[in-house]
Amino acid sequence: MNTANIEDTQNKNILLVEDDQRDAELTLAALEEQNLAHQVFVVQDGSQALDYLYRRGKFTGRTSGNPILMMLDLKMPKVDGLEVLKVIKADEHLKNIPVVMLTSSRETPDLNECYKYGVNAYVVKPMDFTEFKKAVSQLGIFWAAINHPPLPEAKGGFRLEIIQLQKCIYR
């Protein structure tokens, strides 16, 4: 069942950071089935994720704007998911990106560290194909269709929604 209208997905991009090709393919299949994003960008490690977000290297020409969701594996080569999370949540322009740690780690220290640095959700990947697909679909539905992220700041620090409300009141 498609839960999102195509018009609603036009500017909704998801960044999937996953070094396991099988898990990436399963995640893409689940997201595609629900029609939750205009595009899902897949990178294989934390270094590529940071290049994508900061529009560096092969991502220099990508359109501006942050993804509506980042699904981030924890254990990856080069730069791991925790390091990526720390960078994102410390950056004023990236910190509002919802980050879901989608990992096979059930280790309590990993869970605690991720929440310490601001992860929005920590999900252990189910081993069963059907359960994995269902979990990803539910995550996608929540973060891409149900959740309302903060609006960008307008000049002067006012939120766009406040300015729009004031225009309605003073007409």
Protein backbone atom coordinates (compact mmCIF):
# COMPACT_ATOMS: atom_id res chain seq x y z
CA MET A 1 0.00 0.00 0.00
CA ASN A 2 1.43 3.39 -0.96
CA THR A 3 1.14 5.76 1.97
CA ALA A 4 2.61 8.95 0.50
CA ASN A 5 1.41 11.05 -2.37
CA ILE A 6 4.03 11.51 -5.09
CA GLU A 7 3.59 15.30 -4.87
CA ASP A 8 4.50 15.14 -1.19
CA THR A 9 7.79 13.37 -1.96
CA GLN A 10 9.22 15.79 -4.54
CA ASN A 11 11.69 17.43 -2.15
CA LYS A 12 11.97 14.57 0.30
CA ASN A 13 15.29 12.83 -0.02
CA ILE A 14 16.63 10.16 2.32
CA LEU A 15 20.30 9.43 2.89
CA LEU A 16 21.06 5.77 3.55
CA VAL A 17 24.53 5.08 4.92
CA GLU A 18 25.07 1.33 4.75
CA ASP A 19 28.19 -0.71 3.94
CA ASP A 20 26.34 -4.04 3.55
CA GLN A 21 24.92 -4.22 0.02
CA ARG A 22 22.24 -6.77 0.96
CA ASP A 23 20.94 -4.56 3.78
CA ALA A 24 21.03 -1.52 1.49
CA GLU A 25 18.99 -3.35 -1.16
CA LEU A 26 16.41 -4.54 1.40
CA THR A 27 16.12 -1.01 2.80
CA LEU A 28 15.66 0.48 -0.66
CA ALA A 29 12.99 -2.10 -1.52
CA ALA A 30 11.03 -1.31 1.64
CA LEU A 31 11.22 2.45 1.10
CA GLU A 32 10.32 2.17 -2.58
CA GLU A 33 7.30 0.01 -1.80
CA GLN A 34 5.90 2.79 0.39
CA ASN A 35 6.78 5.61 -2.07
CA LEU A 36 8.14 7.68 0.83
CA ALA A 37 10.92 9.65 -0.79
CA HIS A 38 11.65 11.40 -4.03
CA GLN A 39 15.10 9.84 -4.00
CA VAL A 40 17.16 7.68 -1.67
CA PHE A 41 20.87 8.38 -1.85
CA VAL A 42 23.03 5.44 -0.79
CA VAL A 43 26.61 5.77 0.40
CA GLN A 44 28.79 2.96 1.76
CA ASP A 45 30.65 4.61 4.64
CA GLY A 46 30.72 7.56 7.00
CA SER A 47 33.28 9.46 4.96
CA GLN A 48 30.99 9.41 1.93
CA ALA A 49 28.05 10.45 4.13
CA LEU A 50 29.92 13.53 5.32
CA ASP A 51 30.98 14.33 1.75
CA TYR A 52 27.32 14.12 0.71
CA LEU A 53 26.12 16.37 3.53
CA TYR A 54 28.86 18.95 3.02
CA ARG A 55 28.65 18.71 -0.79
CA ARG A 56 32.30 17.70 -1.18
CA GLY A 57 34.12 15.42 -3.60
CA LYS A 58 31.77 13.62 -5.98
CA PHE A 59 28.78 15.34 -4.30
CA THR A 60 29.94 18.91 -5.03
CA GLY A 61 27.25 19.32 -7.68
CA ARG A 62 24.32 17.91 -5.74
CA THR A 63 21.37 20.18 -5.12
CA SER A 64 21.34 22.01 -1.82
CA GLY A 65 19.19 21.00 1.10
CA ASN A 66 19.37 18.36 3.76
CA PRO A 67 17.74 14.95 3.61
CA ILE A 68 14.52 14.54 5.55
CA LEU A 69 16.03 11.44 7.15
CA MET A 70 19.37 9.73 7.51
CA MET A 71 19.43 6.00 8.09
CA LEU A 72 22.89 5.33 9.44
CA ASP A 73 24.70 2.07 10.07
CA LEU A 74 26.87 2.08 13.18
CA LYS A 75 29.75 -0.25 12.30
CA MET A 76 31.33 0.89 9.02
CA PRO A 77 34.77 1.29 7.47
CA LYS A 78 36.66 4.61 7.32
CA VAL A 79 34.36 6.73 9.51
CA ASP A 80 31.88 4.86 11.70
CA GLY A 81 28.28 5.86 12.32
CA LEU A 82 28.93 7.29 15.78
CA GLU A 83 31.54 9.70 14.41
CA VAL A 84 29.15 10.79 11.65
CA LEU A 85 26.43 11.33 14.26
CA LYS A 86 28.76 13.48 16.39
CA VAL A 87 29.63 15.69 13.41
CA ILE A 88 26.00 16.10 12.34
CA LYS A 89 24.64 16.96 15.75
CA ALA A 90 27.47 19.46 16.38
CA ASP A 91 26.80 21.33 13.11
CA GLU A 92 24.22 24.12 13.21
CA HIS A 93 23.12 23.42 9.62
CA LEU A 94 22.84 19.65 9.99
CA LYS A 95 21.74 19.03 13.58
CA ASN A 96 18.01 18.95 12.77
CA ILE A 97 18.35 16.04 10.34
CA PRO A 98 16.62 13.08 11.97
CA VAL A 99 19.16 10.29 12.32
CA VAL A 100 18.03 6.71 12.75
CA MET A 101 20.81 4.32 13.68
CA LEU A 102 19.94 1.14 11.77
CA THR A 103 22.43 -1.39 13.07
CA SER A 104 23.05 -5.00 13.97
CA SER A 105 24.66 -4.00 17.29
CA ARG A 106 22.71 -4.90 20.40
CA GLU A 107 25.53 -3.68 22.66
CA THR A 108 24.34 -1.41 25.48
CA PRO A 109 27.42 0.87 25.25
CA ASP A 110 26.69 1.46 21.55
CA LEU A 111 23.06 2.29 22.28
CA ASN A 112 23.99 4.65 25.13
CA GLU A 113 26.68 6.43 23.12
CA CYS A 114 24.32 7.01 20.20
CA TYR A 115 21.67 8.57 22.43
CA LYS A 116 24.34 10.59 24.24
CA TYR A 117 25.22 12.23 20.92
CA GLY A 118 21.65 12.89 19.81
CA VAL A 119 20.45 9.98 17.69
CA ASN A 120 16.70 10.19 17.08
CA ALA A 121 16.13 6.43 17.06
CA TYR A 122 18.21 3.29 17.51
CA VAL A 123 16.89 0.26 15.66
CA VAL A 124 18.49 -3.17 15.70
CA LYS A 125 18.17 -4.76 12.26
CA PRO A 126 15.92 -7.82 12.38
CA MET A 127 17.59 -10.92 10.95
CA ASP A 128 14.42 -12.12 9.19
CA PHE A 129 13.89 -10.63 5.71
CA THR A 130 10.18 -9.94 6.22
CA GLU A 131 10.72 -8.38 9.64
CA PHE A 132 13.60 -6.26 8.33
CA LYS A 133 11.47 -4.93 5.48
CA LYS A 134 8.56 -4.25 7.85
CA ALA A 135 10.81 -2.37 10.31
CA VAL A 136 12.28 -0.18 7.56
CA SER A 137 8.81 0.53 6.15
CA GLN A 138 7.55 1.61 9.57
CA LEU A 139 10.59 3.84 10.10
CA GLY A 140 10.15 5.39 6.70
CA ILE A 141 6.45 6.01 7.20
CA PHE A 142 7.06 7.73 10.53
CA TRP A 143 10.01 9.91 9.53
CA ALA A 144 8.99 10.72 5.93
CA ALA A 145 5.20 10.90 6.15
CA ILE A 146 4.10 11.45 9.76
CA ASN A 147 6.91 13.46 11.38
CA HIS A 148 7.00 17.23 10.85
CA PRO A 149 10.59 18.49 10.93
CA PRO A 150 11.43 22.06 11.94
CA LEU A 151 11.07 24.66 9.22
CA PRO A 152 14.12 26.61 8.06
CA GLU A 153 14.87 29.86 9.84
CA ALA A 154 13.85 33.09 8.10
CA LYS A 155 15.94 36.25 8.21
CA GLY A 156 15.99 37.76 11.67
CA GLY A 157 15.70 34.35 13.33
CA PHE A 158 11.91 34.09 13.04
CA ARG A 159 10.54 30.76 12.00
CA LEU A 160 8.70 30.82 8.67
CA GLU A 161 5.55 29.47 10.30
CA ILE A 162 5.43 32.41 12.74
CA ILE A 163 5.83 34.92 9.92
CA GLN A 164 3.07 33.23 7.95
CA LEU A 165 0.81 33.28 11.00
CA GLN A 166 1.47 36.98 11.58
CA LYS A 167 0.57 37.77 7.96
CA CYS A 168 -2.77 36.04 8.46
CA ILE A 169 -3.48 37.87 11.74
CA TYR A 170 -2.68 41.35 10.42
CA ARG A 171 -4.67 41.14 7.18
